[in-house]
Amino acid sequence: MNELSSILDEMIAAGNALAKAATALKGHYSSTAEKPPENRAAEPKETAAQAATEKSAGPTPKNYSYEEVRQICAAKTSADDGAHKREVLDIIKKYADGKTLSKVDPSLYADLVAEVEAVGNA
């Protein structure tokens, strides 16, 4: 029953997030006021040293959606007859301050996925 309650909480949170996103999109696209043109000349130019540093830093981490993270975690928990379920749940709780996946800050999704994908590969 506790697991069902947790799943329902995640569904409610996802629905609330969708409603919030729809409201923001409606506000953005229904505004009739014109925005002033951007002044790109005022933006500082990137130096060659900055560009080289950014390129050598490696690829930027993937931005995962909540659904992608949920699918990755679900796949890992069911892999190998559920042998890694406890480890994956512990990782989720670590990133969610002891709560469920829906409570994880989206900026931490890439780190969470990296840890989950490492489970069972050591």
PDB file of N, CA and C in Angstrom:
ATOM      1  N   MET A   1       0.824  -1.187   0.000  1.00  0.00           N
ATOM      2  CA  MET A   1       0.000   0.000   0.000  1.00  0.00           C
ATOM      3  C   MET A   1       0.867   1.249   0.000  1.00  0.00           C
ATOM      4  N   ASN A   2       1.986   1.220   0.723  1.00  0.00           N
ATOM      5  CA  ASN A   2       2.883   2.362   0.792  1.00  0.00           C
ATOM      6  C   ASN A   2       3.453   2.685  -0.579  1.00  0.00           C
ATOM      7  N   GLU A   3       3.782   1.651  -1.361  1.00  0.00           N
ATOM      8  CA  GLU A   3       4.330   1.859  -2.699  1.00  0.00           C
ATOM      9  C   GLU A   3       3.271   2.477  -3.610  1.00  0.00           C
ATOM     10  N   LEU A   4       2.020   2.023  -3.510  1.00  0.00           N
ATOM     11  CA  LEU A   4       0.933   2.586  -4.298  1.00  0.00           C
ATOM     12  C   LEU A   4       0.731   4.052  -3.945  1.00  0.00           C
ATOM     13  N   SER A   5       0.784   4.359  -2.669  1.00  0.00           N
ATOM     14  CA  SER A   5       0.644   5.744  -2.224  1.00  0.00           C
ATOM     15  C   SER A   5       1.764   6.609  -2.794  1.00  0.00           C
ATOM     16  N   SER A   6       2.968   6.074  -2.816  1.00  0.00           N
ATOM     17  CA  SER A   6       4.107   6.799  -3.358  1.00  0.00           C
ATOM     18  C   SER A   6       3.931   7.057  -4.855  1.00  0.00           C
ATOM     19  N   ILE A   7       3.460   6.051  -5.572  1.00  0.00           N
ATOM     20  CA  ILE A   7       3.228   6.205  -7.013  1.00  0.00           C
ATOM     21  C   ILE A   7       2.146   7.244  -7.270  1.00  0.00           C
ATOM     22  N   LEU A   8       1.083   7.199  -6.489  1.00  0.00           N
ATOM     23  CA  LEU A   8       0.005   8.177  -6.660  1.00  0.00           C
ATOM     24  C   LEU A   8       0.494   9.594  -6.347  1.00  0.00           C
ATOM     25  N   ASP A   9       1.339   9.739  -5.334  1.00  0.00           N
ATOM     26  CA  ASP A   9       1.912  11.050  -5.019  1.00  0.00           C
ATOM     27  C   ASP A   9       2.728  11.572  -6.200  1.00  0.00           C
ATOM     28  N   GLU A  10       3.494  10.689  -6.831  1.00  0.00           N
ATOM     29  CA  GLU A  10       4.297  11.091  -7.986  1.00  0.00           C
ATOM     30  C   GLU A  10       3.403  11.494  -9.153  1.00  0.00           C
ATOM     31  N   MET A  11       2.298  10.777  -9.350  1.00  0.00           N
ATOM     32  CA  MET A  11       1.368  11.122 -10.424  1.00  0.00           C
ATOM     33  C   MET A  11       0.739  12.494 -10.173  1.00  0.00           C
ATOM     34  N   ILE A  12       0.372  12.762  -8.941  1.00  0.00           N
ATOM     35  CA  ILE A  12      -0.211  14.057  -8.588  1.00  0.00           C
ATOM     36  C   ILE A  12       0.800  15.172  -8.833  1.00  0.00           C
ATOM     37  N   ALA A  13       2.039  14.946  -8.415  1.00  0.00           N
ATOM     38  CA  ALA A  13       3.085  15.957  -8.606  1.00  0.00           C
ATOM     39  C   ALA A  13       3.312  16.207 -10.098  1.00  0.00           C
ATOM     40  N   ALA A  14       3.308  15.144 -10.893  1.00  0.00           N
ATOM     41  CA  ALA A  14       3.500  15.300 -12.334  1.00  0.00           C
ATOM     42  C   ALA A  14       2.343  16.079 -12.942  1.00  0.00           C
ATOM     43  N   GLY A  15       1.127  15.801 -12.509  1.00  0.00           N
ATOM     44  CA  GLY A  15      -0.041  16.532 -13.008  1.00  0.00           C
ATOM     45  C   GLY A  15       0.027  18.006 -12.648  1.00  0.00           C
ATOM     46  N   ASN A  16       0.446  18.297 -11.428  1.00  0.00           N
ATOM     47  CA  ASN A  16       0.587  19.689 -11.004  1.00  0.00           C
ATOM     48  C   ASN A  16       1.653  20.409 -11.823  1.00  0.00           C
ATOM     49  N   ALA A  17       2.743  19.702 -12.108  1.00  0.00           N
ATOM     50  CA  ALA A  17       3.806  20.304 -12.910  1.00  0.00           C
ATOM     51  C   ALA A  17       3.317  20.582 -14.329  1.00  0.00           C
ATOM     52  N   LEU A  18       2.533  19.676 -14.890  1.00  0.00           N
ATOM     53  CA  LEU A  18       1.976  19.897 -16.227  1.00  0.00           C
ATOM     54  C   LEU A  18       1.040  21.096 -16.243  1.00  0.00           C
ATOM     55  N   ALA A  19       0.205  21.221 -15.233  1.00  0.00           N
ATOM     56  CA  ALA A  19      -0.716  22.353 -15.160  1.00  0.00           C
ATOM     57  C   ALA A  19       0.053  23.662 -15.044  1.00  0.00           C
ATOM     58  N   LYS A  20       1.102  23.678 -14.254  1.00  0.00           N
ATOM     59  CA  LYS A  20       1.918  24.880 -14.086  1.00  0.00           C
ATOM     60  C   LYS A  20       2.601  25.248 -15.402  1.00  0.00           C
ATOM     61  N   ALA A  21       3.125  24.239 -16.118  1.00  0.00           N
ATOM     62  CA  ALA A  21       3.786  24.482 -17.397  1.00  0.00           C
ATOM     63  C   ALA A  21       2.790  25.004 -18.426  1.00  0.00           C
ATOM     64  N   ALA A  22       1.585  24.437 -18.458  1.00  0.00           N
ATOM     65  CA  ALA A  22       0.569  24.884 -19.403  1.00  0.00           C
ATOM     66  C   ALA A  22       0.166  26.328 -19.130  1.00  0.00           C
ATOM     67  N   THR A  23       0.043  26.680 -17.861  1.00  0.00           N
ATOM     68  CA  THR A  23      -0.302  28.054 -17.499  1.00  0.00           C
ATOM     69  C   THR A  23       0.798  29.022 -17.936  1.00  0.00           C
ATOM     70  N   ALA A  24       2.047  28.625 -17.728  1.00  0.00           N
ATOM     71  CA  ALA A  24       3.169  29.480 -18.133  1.00  0.00           C
ATOM     72  C   ALA A  24       3.212  29.645 -19.647  1.00  0.00           C
ATOM     73  N   LEU A  25       2.988  28.567 -20.376  1.00  0.00           N
ATOM     74  CA  LEU A  25       2.976  28.652 -21.838  1.00  0.00           C
ATOM     75  C   LEU A  25       1.832  29.524 -22.330  1.00  0.00           C
ATOM     76  N   LYS A  26       0.680  29.377 -21.718  1.00  0.00           N
ATOM     77  CA  LYS A  26      -0.470  30.198 -22.103  1.00  0.00           C
ATOM     78  C   LYS A  26      -0.159  31.671 -21.885  1.00  0.00           C
ATOM     79  N   GLY A  27       0.433  31.986 -20.738  1.00  0.00           N
ATOM     80  CA  GLY A  27       0.794  33.372 -20.450  1.00  0.00           C
ATOM     81  C   GLY A  27       1.833  33.906 -21.418  1.00  0.00           C
ATOM     82  N   HIS A  28       2.774  33.064 -21.778  1.00  0.00           N
ATOM     83  CA  HIS A  28       3.843  33.485 -22.684  1.00  0.00           C
ATOM     84  C   HIS A  28       3.317  33.751 -24.090  1.00  0.00           C
ATOM     85  N   TYR A  29       2.488  32.869 -24.592  1.00  0.00           N
ATOM     86  CA  TYR A  29       2.025  32.984 -25.969  1.00  0.00           C
ATOM     87  C   TYR A  29       0.779  33.839 -26.129  1.00  0.00           C
ATOM     88  N   SER A  30       0.110  34.167 -25.065  1.00  0.00           N
ATOM     89  CA  SER A  30      -1.083  34.993 -25.189  1.00  0.00           C
ATOM     90  C   SER A  30      -0.814  36.454 -24.880  1.00  0.00           C
ATOM     91  N   SER A  31       0.418  36.789 -24.500  1.00  0.00           N
ATOM     92  CA  SER A  31       0.721  38.197 -24.216  1.00  0.00           C
ATOM     93  C   SER A  31       0.762  38.971 -25.527  1.00  0.00           C
ATOM     94  N   THR A  32       0.149  40.151 -25.524  1.00  0.00           N
ATOM     95  CA  THR A  32       0.072  40.956 -26.738  1.00  0.00           C
ATOM     96  C   THR A  32       1.123  42.054 -26.760  1.00  0.00           C
ATOM     97  N   ALA A  33       1.762  42.287 -25.653  1.00  0.00           N
ATOM     98  CA  ALA A  33       2.789  43.326 -25.588  1.00  0.00           C
ATOM     99  C   ALA A  33       4.020  42.876 -26.358  1.00  0.00           C
ATOM    100  N   GLU A  34       4.565  43.794 -27.160  1.00  0.00           N
ATOM    101  CA  GLU A  34       5.773  43.461 -27.908  1.00  0.00           C
ATOM    102  C   GLU A  34       6.987  43.631 -27.016  1.00  0.00           C
ATOM    103  N   LYS A  35       7.929  42.742 -27.199  1.00  0.00           N
ATOM    104  CA  LYS A  35       9.162  42.814 -26.436  1.00  0.00           C
ATOM    105  C   LYS A  35      10.160  43.660 -27.203  1.00  0.00           C
ATOM    106  N   PRO A  36      11.003  44.411 -26.480  1.00  0.00           N
ATOM    107  CA  PRO A  36      12.015  45.197 -27.179  1.00  0.00           C
ATOM    108  C   PRO A  36      13.042  44.274 -27.831  1.00  0.00           C
ATOM    109  N   PRO A  37      13.616  44.698 -28.965  1.00  0.00           N
ATOM    110  CA  PRO A  37      14.615  43.849 -29.622  1.00  0.00           C
ATOM    111  C   PRO A  37      15.839  43.694 -28.731  1.00  0.00           C
ATOM    112  N   GLU A  38      16.455  42.518 -28.831  1.00  0.00           N
ATOM    113  CA  GLU A  38      17.652  42.247 -28.039  1.00  0.00           C
ATOM    114  C   GLU A  38      18.834  43.004 -28.628  1.00  0.00           C
ATOM    115  N   ASN A  39      19.697  43.494 -27.754  1.00  0.00           N
ATOM    116  CA  ASN A  39      20.884  44.197 -28.196  1.00  0.00           C
ATOM    117  C   ASN A  39      22.057  43.248 -28.084  1.00  0.00           C
ATOM    118  N   ARG A  40      22.366  42.578 -29.163  1.00  0.00           N
ATOM    119  CA  ARG A  40      23.440  41.589 -29.149  1.00  0.00           C
ATOM    120  C   ARG A  40      24.816  42.249 -29.183  1.00  0.00           C
ATOM    121  N   ALA A  41      24.903  43.483 -29.604  1.00  0.00           N
ATOM    122  CA  ALA A  41      26.193  44.152 -29.662  1.00  0.00           C
ATOM    123  C   ALA A  41      26.749  44.388 -28.263  1.00  0.00           C
ATOM    124  N   ALA A  42      25.880  44.484 -27.282  1.00  0.00           N
ATOM    125  CA  ALA A  42      26.322  44.748 -25.915  1.00  0.00           C
ATOM    126  C   ALA A  42      26.877  43.502 -25.233  1.00  0.00           C
ATOM    127  N   GLU A  43      26.612  42.327 -25.795  1.00  0.00           N
ATOM    128  CA  GLU A  43      27.101  41.097 -25.190  1.00  0.00           C
ATOM    129  C   GLU A  43      28.606  40.968 -25.402  1.00  0.00           C
ATOM    130  N   PRO A  44      29.338  40.548 -24.374  1.00  0.00           N
ATOM    131  CA  PRO A  44      30.787  40.413 -24.536  1.00  0.00           C
ATOM    132  C   PRO A  44      31.123  39.275 -25.490  1.00  0.00           C
ATOM    133  N   LYS A  45      32.174  39.487 -26.253  1.00  0.00           N
ATOM    134  CA  LYS A  45      32.640  38.457 -27.182  1.00  0.00           C
ATOM    135  C   LYS A  45      33.413  37.402 -26.410  1.00  0.00           C
ATOM    136  N   GLU A  46      33.280  36.154 -26.840  1.00  0.00           N
ATOM    137  CA  GLU A  46      33.999  35.062 -26.207  1.00  0.00           C
ATOM    138  C   GLU A  46      35.433  35.053 -26.732  1.00  0.00           C
ATOM    139  N   THR A  47      36.370  34.971 -25.821  1.00  0.00           N
ATOM    140  CA  THR A  47      37.765  34.937 -26.233  1.00  0.00           C
ATOM    141  C   THR A  47      38.143  33.535 -26.681  1.00  0.00           C
ATOM    142  N   ALA A  48      39.217  33.414 -27.419  1.00  0.00           N
ATOM    143  CA  ALA A  48      39.682  32.115 -27.886  1.00  0.00           C
ATOM    144  C   ALA A  48      40.047  31.221 -26.709  1.00  0.00           C
ATOM    145  N   ALA A  49      40.598  31.813 -25.645  1.00  0.00           N
ATOM    146  CA  ALA A  49      40.971  31.030 -24.461  1.00  0.00           C
ATOM    147  C   ALA A  49      39.733  30.455 -23.781  1.00  0.00           C
ATOM    148  N   GLN A  50      38.667  31.263 -23.699  1.00  0.00           N
ATOM    149  CA  GLN A  50      37.428  30.776 -23.090  1.00  0.00           C
ATOM    150  C   GLN A  50      36.836  29.648 -23.923  1.00  0.00           C
ATOM    151  N   ALA A  51      36.851  29.798 -25.221  1.00  0.00           N
ATOM    152  CA  ALA A  51      36.302  28.769 -26.101  1.00  0.00           C
ATOM    153  C   ALA A  51      37.092  27.472 -25.968  1.00  0.00           C
ATOM    154  N   ALA A  52      38.407  27.561 -25.903  1.00  0.00           N
ATOM    155  CA  ALA A  52      39.240  26.371 -25.770  1.00  0.00           C
ATOM    156  C   ALA A  52      38.997  25.688 -24.435  1.00  0.00           C
ATOM    157  N   THR A  53      38.833  26.472 -23.380  1.00  0.00           N
ATOM    158  CA  THR A  53      38.575  25.915 -22.061  1.00  0.00           C
ATOM    159  C   THR A  53      37.246  25.168 -22.043  1.00  0.00           C
ATOM    160  N   GLU A  54      36.215  25.764 -22.640  1.00  0.00           N
ATOM    161  CA  GLU A  54      34.908  25.128 -22.665  1.00  0.00           C
ATOM    162  C   GLU A  54      34.932  23.844 -23.478  1.00  0.00           C
ATOM    163  N   LYS A  55      35.650  23.841 -24.591  1.00  0.00           N
ATOM    164  CA  LYS A  55      35.711  22.650 -25.433  1.00  0.00           C
ATOM    165  C   LYS A  55      36.498  21.537 -24.764  1.00  0.00           C
ATOM    166  N   SER A  56      37.539  21.888 -24.012  1.00  0.00           N
ATOM    167  CA  SER A  56      38.347  20.866 -23.363  1.00  0.00           C
ATOM    168  C   SER A  56      37.685  20.327 -22.095  1.00  0.00           C
ATOM    169  N   ALA A  57      36.654  21.016 -21.623  1.00  0.00           N
ATOM    170  CA  ALA A  57      35.978  20.588 -20.411  1.00  0.00           C
ATOM    171  C   ALA A  57      35.167  19.316 -20.633  1.00  0.00           C
ATOM    172  N   GLY A  58      34.965  18.935 -21.877  1.00  0.00           N
ATOM    173  CA  GLY A  58      34.232  17.715 -22.173  1.00  0.00           C
ATOM    174  C   GLY A  58      32.778  18.024 -22.458  1.00  0.00           C
ATOM    175  N   PRO A  59      32.023  16.984 -22.764  1.00  0.00           N
ATOM    176  CA  PRO A  59      30.620  17.199 -23.102  1.00  0.00           C
ATOM    177  C   PRO A  59      29.819  17.639 -21.883  1.00  0.00           C
ATOM    178  N   THR A  60      28.808  18.440 -22.140  1.00  0.00           N
ATOM    179  CA  THR A  60      27.953  18.859 -21.047  1.00  0.00           C
ATOM    180  C   THR A  60      27.039  17.699 -20.684  1.00  0.00           C
ATOM    181  N   PRO A  61      26.693  17.573 -19.409  1.00  0.00           N
ATOM    182  CA  PRO A  61      25.842  16.460 -19.012  1.00  0.00           C
ATOM    183  C   PRO A  61      24.456  16.598 -19.643  1.00  0.00           C
ATOM    184  N   LYS A  62      23.832  15.468 -19.911  1.00  0.00           N
ATOM    185  CA  LYS A  62      22.512  15.444 -20.521  1.00  0.00           C
ATOM    186  C   LYS A  62      21.498  15.995 -19.534  1.00  0.00           C
ATOM    187  N   ASN A  63      20.554  16.744 -20.055  1.00  0.00           N
ATOM    188  CA  ASN A  63      19.447  17.218 -19.232  1.00  0.00           C
ATOM    189  C   ASN A  63      18.324  16.202 -19.328  1.00  0.00           C
ATOM    190  N   TYR A  64      18.088  15.484 -18.244  1.00  0.00           N
ATOM    191  CA  TYR A  64      17.079  14.448 -18.210  1.00  0.00           C
ATOM    192  C   TYR A  64      15.737  15.022 -17.776  1.00  0.00           C
ATOM    193  N   SER A  65      14.672  14.482 -18.333  1.00  0.00           N
ATOM    194  CA  SER A  65      13.336  14.833 -17.858  1.00  0.00           C
ATOM    195  C   SER A  65      12.983  13.894 -16.708  1.00  0.00           C
ATOM    196  N   TYR A  66      11.959  14.249 -15.964  1.00  0.00           N
ATOM    197  CA  TYR A  66      11.515  13.405 -14.860  1.00  0.00           C
ATOM    198  C   TYR A  66      11.169  12.011 -15.375  1.00  0.00           C
ATOM    199  N   GLU A  67      10.472  11.961 -16.513  1.00  0.00           N
ATOM    200  CA  GLU A  67      10.037  10.670 -17.065  1.00  0.00           C
ATOM    201  C   GLU A  67      11.232   9.815 -17.476  1.00  0.00           C
ATOM    202  N   GLU A  68      12.265  10.429 -18.054  1.00  0.00           N
ATOM    203  CA  GLU A  68      13.464   9.670 -18.429  1.00  0.00           C
ATOM    204  C   GLU A  68      14.146   9.083 -17.196  1.00  0.00           C
ATOM    205  N   VAL A  69      14.262   9.882 -16.156  1.00  0.00           N
ATOM    206  CA  VAL A  69      14.893   9.412 -14.918  1.00  0.00           C
ATOM    207  C   VAL A  69      14.073   8.279 -14.311  1.00  0.00           C
ATOM    208  N   ARG A  70      12.757   8.436 -14.316  1.00  0.00           N
ATOM    209  CA  ARG A  70      11.879   7.401 -13.779  1.00  0.00           C
ATOM    210  C   ARG A  70      12.049   6.095 -14.549  1.00  0.00           C
ATOM    211  N   GLN A  71      12.119   6.177 -15.877  1.00  0.00           N
ATOM    212  CA  GLN A  71      12.280   4.977 -16.702  1.00  0.00           C
ATOM    213  C   GLN A  71      13.630   4.301 -16.449  1.00  0.00           C
ATOM    214  N   ILE A  72      14.682   5.087 -16.323  1.00  0.00           N
ATOM    215  CA  ILE A  72      16.018   4.529 -16.063  1.00  0.00           C
ATOM    216  C   ILE A  72      16.036   3.818 -14.710  1.00  0.00           C
ATOM    217  N   CYS A  73      15.450   4.462 -13.709  1.00  0.00           N
ATOM    218  CA  CYS A  73      15.411   3.853 -12.371  1.00  0.00           C
ATOM    219  C   CYS A  73      14.561   2.583 -12.376  1.00  0.00           C
ATOM    220  N   ALA A  74      13.430   2.625 -13.064  1.00  0.00           N
ATOM    221  CA  ALA A  74      12.555   1.450 -13.127  1.00  0.00           C
ATOM    222  C   ALA A  74      13.249   0.293 -13.834  1.00  0.00           C
ATOM    223  N   ALA A  75      13.962   0.595 -14.903  1.00  0.00           N
ATOM    224  CA  ALA A  75      14.665  -0.460 -15.635  1.00  0.00           C
ATOM    225  C   ALA A  75      15.741  -1.098 -14.767  1.00  0.00           C
ATOM    226  N   LYS A  76      16.453  -0.285 -14.005  1.00  0.00           N
ATOM    227  CA  LYS A  76      17.524  -0.824 -13.156  1.00  0.00           C
ATOM    228  C   LYS A  76      16.951  -1.645 -11.999  1.00  0.00           C
ATOM    229  N   THR A  77      15.805  -1.212 -11.446  1.00  0.00           N
ATOM    230  CA  THR A  77      15.226  -1.970 -10.335  1.00  0.00           C
ATOM    231  C   THR A  77      14.672  -3.309 -10.788  1.00  0.00           C
ATOM    232  N   SER A  78      14.227  -3.406 -12.040  1.00  0.00           N
ATOM    233  CA  SER A  78      13.687  -4.681 -12.512  1.00  0.00           C
ATOM    234  C   SER A  78      14.737  -5.564 -13.176  1.00  0.00           C
ATOM    235  N   ALA A  79      15.913  -5.009 -13.467  1.00  0.00           N
ATOM    236  CA  ALA A  79      16.985  -5.797 -14.087  1.00  0.00           C
ATOM    237  C   ALA A  79      17.504  -6.842 -13.109  1.00  0.00           C
ATOM    238  N   ASP A  80      17.985  -7.940 -13.642  1.00  0.00           N
ATOM    239  CA  ASP A  80      18.567  -9.018 -12.826  1.00  0.00           C
ATOM    240  C   ASP A  80      17.601  -9.483 -11.742  1.00  0.00           C
ATOM    241  N   ASP A  81      16.331  -9.632 -12.107  1.00  0.00           N
ATOM    242  CA  ASP A  81      15.288 -10.089 -11.180  1.00  0.00           C
ATOM    243  C   ASP A  81      15.187  -9.213  -9.935  1.00  0.00           C
ATOM    244  N   GLY A  82      15.384  -7.921 -10.104  1.00  0.00           N
ATOM    245  CA  GLY A  82      15.228  -6.990  -8.993  1.00  0.00           C
ATOM    246  C   GLY A  82      16.373  -6.969  -8.007  1.00  0.00           C
ATOM    247  N   ALA A  83      17.525  -7.473  -8.426  1.00  0.00           N
ATOM    248  CA  ALA A  83      18.669  -7.573  -7.509  1.00  0.00           C
ATOM    249  C   ALA A  83      19.165  -6.216  -7.023  1.00  0.00           C
ATOM    250  N   HIS A  84      18.898  -5.162  -7.791  1.00  0.00           N
ATOM    251  CA  HIS A  84      19.440  -3.844  -7.442  1.00  0.00           C
ATOM    252  C   HIS A  84      18.368  -2.864  -6.967  1.00  0.00           C
ATOM    253  N   LYS A  85      17.172  -3.361  -6.708  1.00  0.00           N
ATOM    254  CA  LYS A  85      16.063  -2.487  -6.323  1.00  0.00           C
ATOM    255  C   LYS A  85      16.387  -1.666  -5.079  1.00  0.00           C
ATOM    256  N   ARG A  86      16.891  -2.306  -4.040  1.00  0.00           N
ATOM    257  CA  ARG A  86      17.186  -1.605  -2.790  1.00  0.00           C
ATOM    258  C   ARG A  86      18.233  -0.516  -3.006  1.00  0.00           C
ATOM    259  N   GLU A  87      19.271  -0.827  -3.788  1.00  0.00           N
ATOM    260  CA  GLU A  87      20.326   0.161  -4.048  1.00  0.00           C
ATOM    261  C   GLU A  87      19.770   1.384  -4.785  1.00  0.00           C
ATOM    262  N   VAL A  88      18.921   1.142  -5.788  1.00  0.00           N
ATOM    263  CA  VAL A  88      18.341   2.246  -6.560  1.00  0.00           C
ATOM    264  C   VAL A  88      17.443   3.092  -5.667  1.00  0.00           C
ATOM    265  N   LEU A  89      16.618   2.459  -4.855  1.00  0.00           N
ATOM    266  CA  LEU A  89      15.749   3.209  -3.943  1.00  0.00           C
ATOM    267  C   LEU A  89      16.566   4.037  -2.951  1.00  0.00           C
ATOM    268  N   ASP A  90      17.679   3.487  -2.485  1.00  0.00           N
ATOM    269  CA  ASP A  90      18.550   4.235  -1.571  1.00  0.00           C
ATOM    270  C   ASP A  90      19.151   5.461  -2.257  1.00  0.00           C
ATOM    271  N   ILE A  91      19.526   5.310  -3.524  1.00  0.00           N
ATOM    272  CA  ILE A  91      20.081   6.452  -4.278  1.00  0.00           C
ATOM    273  C   ILE A  91      19.013   7.519  -4.451  1.00  0.00           C
ATOM    274  N   ILE A  92      17.799   7.110  -4.801  1.00  0.00           N
ATOM    275  CA  ILE A  92      16.707   8.078  -4.965  1.00  0.00           C
ATOM    276  C   ILE A  92      16.465   8.818  -3.657  1.00  0.00           C
ATOM    277  N   LYS A  93      16.424   8.081  -2.544  1.00  0.00           N
ATOM    278  CA  LYS A  93      16.194   8.713  -1.242  1.00  0.00           C
ATOM    279  C   LYS A  93      17.330   9.674  -0.888  1.00  0.00           C
ATOM    280  N   LYS A  94      18.544   9.329  -1.302  1.00  0.00           N
ATOM    281  CA  LYS A  94      19.701  10.194  -1.047  1.00  0.00           C
ATOM    282  C   LYS A  94      19.515  11.548  -1.741  1.00  0.00           C
ATOM    283  N   TYR A  95      19.060  11.518  -2.980  1.00  0.00           N
ATOM    284  CA  TYR A  95      18.884  12.757  -3.741  1.00  0.00           C
ATOM    285  C   TYR A  95      17.579  13.475  -3.412  1.00  0.00           C
ATOM    286  N   ALA A  96      16.624  12.764  -2.802  1.00  0.00           N
ATOM    287  CA  ALA A  96      15.321  13.347  -2.488  1.00  0.00           C
ATOM    288  C   ALA A  96      15.159  13.619  -1.001  1.00  0.00           C
ATOM    289  N   ASP A  97      16.258  13.658  -0.260  1.00  0.00           N
ATOM    290  CA  ASP A  97      16.208  13.879   1.186  1.00  0.00           C
ATOM    291  C   ASP A  97      15.249  12.911   1.867  1.00  0.00           C
ATOM    292  N   GLY A  98      15.381  11.624   1.507  1.00  0.00           N
ATOM    293  CA  GLY A  98      14.583  10.590   2.146  1.00  0.00           C
ATOM    294  C   GLY A  98      13.180  10.444   1.602  1.00  0.00           C
ATOM    295  N   LYS A  99      12.887  11.124   0.504  1.00  0.00           N
ATOM    296  CA  LYS A  99      11.528  11.075  -0.042  1.00  0.00           C
ATOM    297  C   LYS A  99      11.541  10.326  -1.369  1.00  0.00           C
ATOM    298  N   THR A 100      10.592  10.626  -2.227  1.00  0.00           N
ATOM    299  CA  THR A 100      10.422   9.909  -3.492  1.00  0.00           C
ATOM    300  C   THR A 100      11.079  10.646  -4.652  1.00  0.00           C
ATOM    301  N   LEU A 101      11.111   9.999  -5.805  1.00  0.00           N
ATOM    302  CA  LEU A 101      11.751  10.562  -6.997  1.00  0.00           C
ATOM    303  C   LEU A 101      11.163  11.917  -7.374  1.00  0.00           C
ATOM    304  N   SER A 102       9.886  12.100  -7.162  1.00  0.00           N
ATOM    305  CA  SER A 102       9.259  13.375  -7.526  1.00  0.00           C
ATOM    306  C   SER A 102       9.803  14.546  -6.706  1.00  0.00           C
ATOM    307  N   LYS A 103      10.479  14.262  -5.601  1.00  0.00           N
ATOM    308  CA  LYS A 103      11.033  15.324  -4.749  1.00  0.00           C
ATOM    309  C   LYS A 103      12.483  15.662  -5.100  1.00  0.00           C
ATOM    310  N   VAL A 104      13.072  14.959  -6.086  1.00  0.00           N
ATOM    311  CA  VAL A 104      14.459  15.224  -6.480  1.00  0.00           C
ATOM    312  C   VAL A 104      14.503  16.505  -7.306  1.00  0.00           C
ATOM    313  N   ASP A 105      15.456  17.358  -7.010  1.00  0.00           N
ATOM    314  CA  ASP A 105      15.665  18.589  -7.766  1.00  0.00           C
ATOM    315  C   ASP A 105      16.107  18.214  -9.180  1.00  0.00           C
ATOM    316  N   PRO A 106      15.419  18.718 -10.222  1.00  0.00           N
ATOM    317  CA  PRO A 106      15.781  18.370 -11.600  1.00  0.00           C
ATOM    318  C   PRO A 106      17.235  18.666 -11.960  1.00  0.00           C
ATOM    319  N   SER A 107      17.860  19.600 -11.284  1.00  0.00           N
ATOM    320  CA  SER A 107      19.265  19.897 -11.580  1.00  0.00           C
ATOM    321  C   SER A 107      20.183  18.751 -11.140  1.00  0.00           C
ATOM    322  N   LEU A 108      19.651  17.824 -10.331  1.00  0.00           N
ATOM    323  CA  LEU A 108      20.441  16.687  -9.850  1.00  0.00           C
ATOM    324  C   LEU A 108      20.170  15.410 -10.640  1.00  0.00           C
ATOM    325  N   TYR A 109      19.277  15.470 -11.628  1.00  0.00           N
ATOM    326  CA  TYR A 109      18.927  14.269 -12.394  1.00  0.00           C
ATOM    327  C   TYR A 109      20.138  13.591 -13.024  1.00  0.00           C
ATOM    328  N   ALA A 110      21.050  14.356 -13.618  1.00  0.00           N
ATOM    329  CA  ALA A 110      22.207  13.759 -14.294  1.00  0.00           C
ATOM    330  C   ALA A 110      23.082  12.991 -13.301  1.00  0.00           C
ATOM    331  N   ASP A 111      23.289  13.556 -12.121  1.00  0.00           N
ATOM    332  CA  ASP A 111      24.090  12.887 -11.095  1.00  0.00           C
ATOM    333  C   ASP A 111      23.394  11.618 -10.604  1.00  0.00           C
ATOM    334  N   LEU A 112      22.082  11.716 -10.392  1.00  0.00           N
ATOM    335  CA  LEU A 112      21.319  10.563  -9.931  1.00  0.00           C
ATOM    336  C   LEU A 112      21.392   9.445 -10.969  1.00  0.00           C
ATOM    337  N   VAL A 113      21.193   9.772 -12.245  1.00  0.00           N
ATOM    338  CA  VAL A 113      21.227   8.763 -13.308  1.00  0.00           C
ATOM    339  C   VAL A 113      22.612   8.122 -13.380  1.00  0.00           C
ATOM    340  N   ALA A 114      23.663   8.920 -13.239  1.00  0.00           N
ATOM    341  CA  ALA A 114      25.023   8.376 -13.284  1.00  0.00           C
ATOM    342  C   ALA A 114      25.215   7.350 -12.174  1.00  0.00           C
ATOM    343  N   GLU A 115      24.727   7.645 -10.983  1.00  0.00           N
ATOM    344  CA  GLU A 115      24.869   6.691  -9.870  1.00  0.00           C
ATOM    345  C   GLU A 115      24.023   5.443 -10.097  1.00  0.00           C
ATOM    346  N   VAL A 116      22.808   5.626 -10.587  1.00  0.00           N
ATOM    347  CA  VAL A 116      21.941   4.474 -10.831  1.00  0.00           C
ATOM    348  C   VAL A 116      22.534   3.582 -11.908  1.00  0.00           C
ATOM    349  N   GLU A 117      23.048   4.176 -12.972  1.00  0.00           N
ATOM    350  CA  GLU A 117      23.630   3.383 -14.054  1.00  0.00           C
ATOM    351  C   GLU A 117      24.886   2.642 -13.610  1.00  0.00           C
ATOM    352  N   ALA A 118      25.563   3.155 -12.596  1.00  0.00           N
ATOM    353  CA  ALA A 118      26.780   2.502 -12.089  1.00  0.00           C
ATOM    354  C   ALA A 118      26.462   1.292 -11.207  1.00  0.00           C
ATOM    355  N   VAL A 119      25.225   1.211 -10.706  1.00  0.00           N
ATOM    356  CA  VAL A 119      24.833   0.107  -9.829  1.00  0.00           C
ATOM    357  C   VAL A 119      24.905  -1.205 -10.624  1.00  0.00           C
ATOM    358  N   GLY A 120      25.605  -2.168 -10.050  1.00  0.00           N
ATOM    359  CA  GLY A 120      25.721  -3.478 -10.676  1.00  0.00           C
ATOM    360  C   GLY A 120      26.786  -3.563 -11.741  1.00  0.00           C
ATOM    361  N   ASN A 121      27.465  -2.454 -12.028  1.00  0.00           N
ATOM    362  CA  ASN A 121      28.511  -2.443 -13.051  1.00  0.00           C
ATOM    363  C   ASN A 121      29.905  -2.453 -12.456  1.00  0.00           C
ATOM    364  N   ALA A 122      29.990  -2.479 -11.144  1.00  0.00           N
ATOM    365  CA  ALA A 122      31.307  -2.423 -10.497  1.00  0.00           C
ATOM    366  C   ALA A 122      31.947  -3.781 -10.407  1.00  0.00           C
TER     367      ALA A 122
END
